[in-house]
Amino acid sequence: MTTTTTARRLQPEDRKLAILDAAYSLAVADGYHTLTRERMAESAGVSLSLITYHWLSVALLREAVMQLAVERGDAHIIASGIVARDPLALSAPLALRQAAAATLAL
């Protein structure tokens, strides 16, 4: 007996969150500076146009990744953002910026 499974199509908001999650995972694994539209699309398993549809620009998706990093207190991503002069990283709470700076001073 064979069984077939069909992939459930994600709702637009769920797809947008899946793209953000994939982009965040890339930033954790490879660094914030490596986030390109192509890498994020590949990681999320979506087309380049879907990245643009949901985020309009790579800059907006990077901003969402940095906001998530600040919310999660991810010092490594914030450190990458500080080096890249990302406004959200530079305005993160002082304790997070200090933790981020400590990761750079290795």
C-alpha atoms as a PDB file:
ATOM      1  CA  MET A   1       0.000   0.000   0.000  1.00  0.00           C
ATOM      2  CA  THR A   2       1.405   3.395  -0.927  1.00  0.00           C
ATOM      3  CA  THR A   3       0.581   6.583   0.795  1.00  0.00           C
ATOM      4  CA  THR A   4       0.975  10.037  -0.535  1.00  0.00           C
ATOM      5  CA  THR A   5       1.326  13.171   1.421  1.00  0.00           C
ATOM      6  CA  THR A   6       0.666  16.595   0.157  1.00  0.00           C
ATOM      7  CA  ALA A   7       2.440  19.611   1.484  1.00  0.00           C
ATOM      8  CA  ARG A   8       0.147  22.026   3.224  1.00  0.00           C
ATOM      9  CA  ARG A   9       0.308  25.437   1.639  1.00  0.00           C
ATOM     10  CA  LEU A  10       1.209  28.018   4.241  1.00  0.00           C
ATOM     11  CA  GLN A  11      -0.921  31.064   4.791  1.00  0.00           C
ATOM     12  CA  PRO A  12       0.848  34.289   3.764  1.00  0.00           C
ATOM     13  CA  GLU A  13       1.596  35.389   7.340  1.00  0.00           C
ATOM     14  CA  ASP A  14       2.910  31.910   8.191  1.00  0.00           C
ATOM     15  CA  ARG A  15       5.114  31.972   5.070  1.00  0.00           C
ATOM     16  CA  LYS A  16       6.437  35.405   6.042  1.00  0.00           C
ATOM     17  CA  LEU A  17       7.315  34.106   9.512  1.00  0.00           C
ATOM     18  CA  ALA A  18       8.974  31.025   7.985  1.00  0.00           C
ATOM     19  CA  ILE A  19      11.137  33.289   5.815  1.00  0.00           C
ATOM     20  CA  LEU A  20      12.089  35.363   8.865  1.00  0.00           C
ATOM     21  CA  ASP A  21      12.910  32.217  10.821  1.00  0.00           C
ATOM     22  CA  ALA A  22      15.109  30.923   7.989  1.00  0.00           C
ATOM     23  CA  ALA A  23      16.879  34.286   7.717  1.00  0.00           C
ATOM     24  CA  TYR A  24      17.441  34.366  11.475  1.00  0.00           C
ATOM     25  CA  SER A  25      18.850  30.834  11.402  1.00  0.00           C
ATOM     26  CA  LEU A  26      21.254  31.884   8.635  1.00  0.00           C
ATOM     27  CA  ALA A  27      22.386  34.869  10.687  1.00  0.00           C
ATOM     28  CA  VAL A  28      22.982  32.601  13.689  1.00  0.00           C
ATOM     29  CA  ALA A  29      24.893  30.017  11.658  1.00  0.00           C
ATOM     30  CA  ASP A  30      26.858  32.213   9.264  1.00  0.00           C
ATOM     31  CA  GLY A  31      26.644  35.785  10.548  1.00  0.00           C
ATOM     32  CA  TYR A  32      24.371  38.724   9.960  1.00  0.00           C
ATOM     33  CA  HIS A  33      26.638  40.048   7.210  1.00  0.00           C
ATOM     34  CA  THR A  34      25.938  36.974   5.055  1.00  0.00           C
ATOM     35  CA  LEU A  35      22.224  37.695   4.627  1.00  0.00           C
ATOM     36  CA  THR A  36      21.476  38.046   0.947  1.00  0.00           C
ATOM     37  CA  ARG A  37      18.150  37.654  -0.783  1.00  0.00           C
ATOM     38  CA  GLU A  38      19.433  34.582  -2.621  1.00  0.00           C
ATOM     39  CA  ARG A  39      20.700  32.822   0.527  1.00  0.00           C
ATOM     40  CA  MET A  40      17.540  33.633   2.461  1.00  0.00           C
ATOM     41  CA  ALA A  41      15.301  32.369  -0.348  1.00  0.00           C
ATOM     42  CA  GLU A  42      17.311  29.164  -0.633  1.00  0.00           C
ATOM     43  CA  SER A  43      17.263  28.605   3.115  1.00  0.00           C
ATOM     44  CA  ALA A  44      13.500  29.231   3.318  1.00  0.00           C
ATOM     45  CA  GLY A  45      12.804  27.138   0.214  1.00  0.00           C
ATOM     46  CA  VAL A  46      11.028  29.989  -1.543  1.00  0.00           C
ATOM     47  CA  SER A  47      11.534  32.013  -4.698  1.00  0.00           C
ATOM     48  CA  LEU A  48      13.365  35.321  -4.765  1.00  0.00           C
ATOM     49  CA  SER A  49      10.139  37.037  -5.719  1.00  0.00           C
ATOM     50  CA  LEU A  50       8.430  35.704  -2.585  1.00  0.00           C
ATOM     51  CA  ILE A  51      11.138  37.314  -0.462  1.00  0.00           C
ATOM     52  CA  THR A  52      10.444  40.620  -2.214  1.00  0.00           C
ATOM     53  CA  TYR A  53       6.666  40.139  -1.969  1.00  0.00           C
ATOM     54  CA  HIS A  54       6.752  39.736   1.799  1.00  0.00           C
ATOM     55  CA  TRP A  55       9.634  42.056   2.693  1.00  0.00           C
ATOM     56  CA  LEU A  56       9.909  44.553  -0.221  1.00  0.00           C
ATOM     57  CA  SER A  57      13.672  44.737   0.268  1.00  0.00           C
ATOM     58  CA  VAL A  58      16.543  42.825   1.813  1.00  0.00           C
ATOM     59  CA  ALA A  59      17.103  45.795   4.114  1.00  0.00           C
ATOM     60  CA  LEU A  60      13.631  45.377   5.628  1.00  0.00           C
ATOM     61  CA  LEU A  61      14.164  41.661   6.166  1.00  0.00           C
ATOM     62  CA  ARG A  62      17.559  42.323   7.759  1.00  0.00           C
ATOM     63  CA  GLU A  63      15.875  44.881  10.003  1.00  0.00           C
ATOM     64  CA  ALA A  64      13.352  42.232  11.086  1.00  0.00           C
ATOM     65  CA  VAL A  65      16.195  39.778  11.770  1.00  0.00           C
ATOM     66  CA  MET A  66      17.991  42.359  13.914  1.00  0.00           C
ATOM     67  CA  GLN A  67      14.776  43.221  15.763  1.00  0.00           C
ATOM     68  CA  LEU A  68      14.315  39.513  16.511  1.00  0.00           C
ATOM     69  CA  ALA A  69      17.933  39.285  17.694  1.00  0.00           C
ATOM     70  CA  VAL A  70      17.372  42.204  20.066  1.00  0.00           C
ATOM     71  CA  GLU A  71      14.148  40.645  21.358  1.00  0.00           C
ATOM     72  CA  ARG A  72      15.934  37.330  21.908  1.00  0.00           C
ATOM     73  CA  GLY A  73      19.055  38.934  23.362  1.00  0.00           C
ATOM     74  CA  ASP A  74      21.331  37.359  20.753  1.00  0.00           C
ATOM     75  CA  ALA A  75      24.657  39.056  21.403  1.00  0.00           C
ATOM     76  CA  HIS A  76      26.420  37.457  18.416  1.00  0.00           C
ATOM     77  CA  ILE A  77      23.969  38.795  15.848  1.00  0.00           C
ATOM     78  CA  ILE A  78      23.871  42.166  17.585  1.00  0.00           C
ATOM     79  CA  ALA A  79      27.670  42.262  17.468  1.00  0.00           C
ATOM     80  CA  SER A  80      27.574  41.667  13.711  1.00  0.00           C
ATOM     81  CA  GLY A  81      24.999  44.430  13.439  1.00  0.00           C
ATOM     82  CA  ILE A  82      27.159  46.831  15.436  1.00  0.00           C
ATOM     83  CA  VAL A  83      30.092  46.160  13.117  1.00  0.00           C
ATOM     84  CA  ALA A  84      27.778  46.758  10.128  1.00  0.00           C
ATOM     85  CA  ARG A  85      26.518  49.998  11.795  1.00  0.00           C
ATOM     86  CA  ASP A  86      22.954  48.661  11.882  1.00  0.00           C
ATOM     87  CA  PRO A  87      20.734  51.255  13.613  1.00  0.00           C
ATOM     88  CA  LEU A  88      18.780  48.672  15.625  1.00  0.00           C
ATOM     89  CA  ALA A  89      21.960  47.021  16.874  1.00  0.00           C
ATOM     90  CA  LEU A  90      23.448  50.387  17.767  1.00  0.00           C
ATOM     91  CA  SER A  91      20.317  51.313  19.728  1.00  0.00           C
ATOM     92  CA  ALA A  92      19.920  47.968  21.500  1.00  0.00           C
ATOM     93  CA  PRO A  93      19.787  48.131  25.295  1.00  0.00           C
ATOM     94  CA  LEU A  94      23.156  48.891  26.843  1.00  0.00           C
ATOM     95  CA  ALA A  95      23.502  45.449  28.450  1.00  0.00           C
ATOM     96  CA  LEU A  96      23.008  43.768  25.061  1.00  0.00           C
ATOM     97  CA  ARG A  97      25.527  46.067  23.389  1.00  0.00           C
ATOM     98  CA  GLN A  98      28.021  45.304  26.136  1.00  0.00           C
ATOM     99  CA  ALA A  99      27.445  41.553  25.734  1.00  0.00           C
ATOM    100  CA  ALA A 100      27.827  41.983  21.971  1.00  0.00           C
ATOM    101  CA  ALA A 101      31.076  43.914  22.425  1.00  0.00           C
ATOM    102  CA  ALA A 102      32.389  41.118  24.631  1.00  0.00           C
ATOM    103  CA  THR A 103      31.860  38.628  21.793  1.00  0.00           C
ATOM    104  CA  LEU A 104      33.951  40.838  19.495  1.00  0.00           C
ATOM    105  CA  ALA A 105      36.834  41.089  21.945  1.00  0.00           C
ATOM    106  CA  LEU A 106      37.771  37.417  21.679  1.00  0.00           C
END
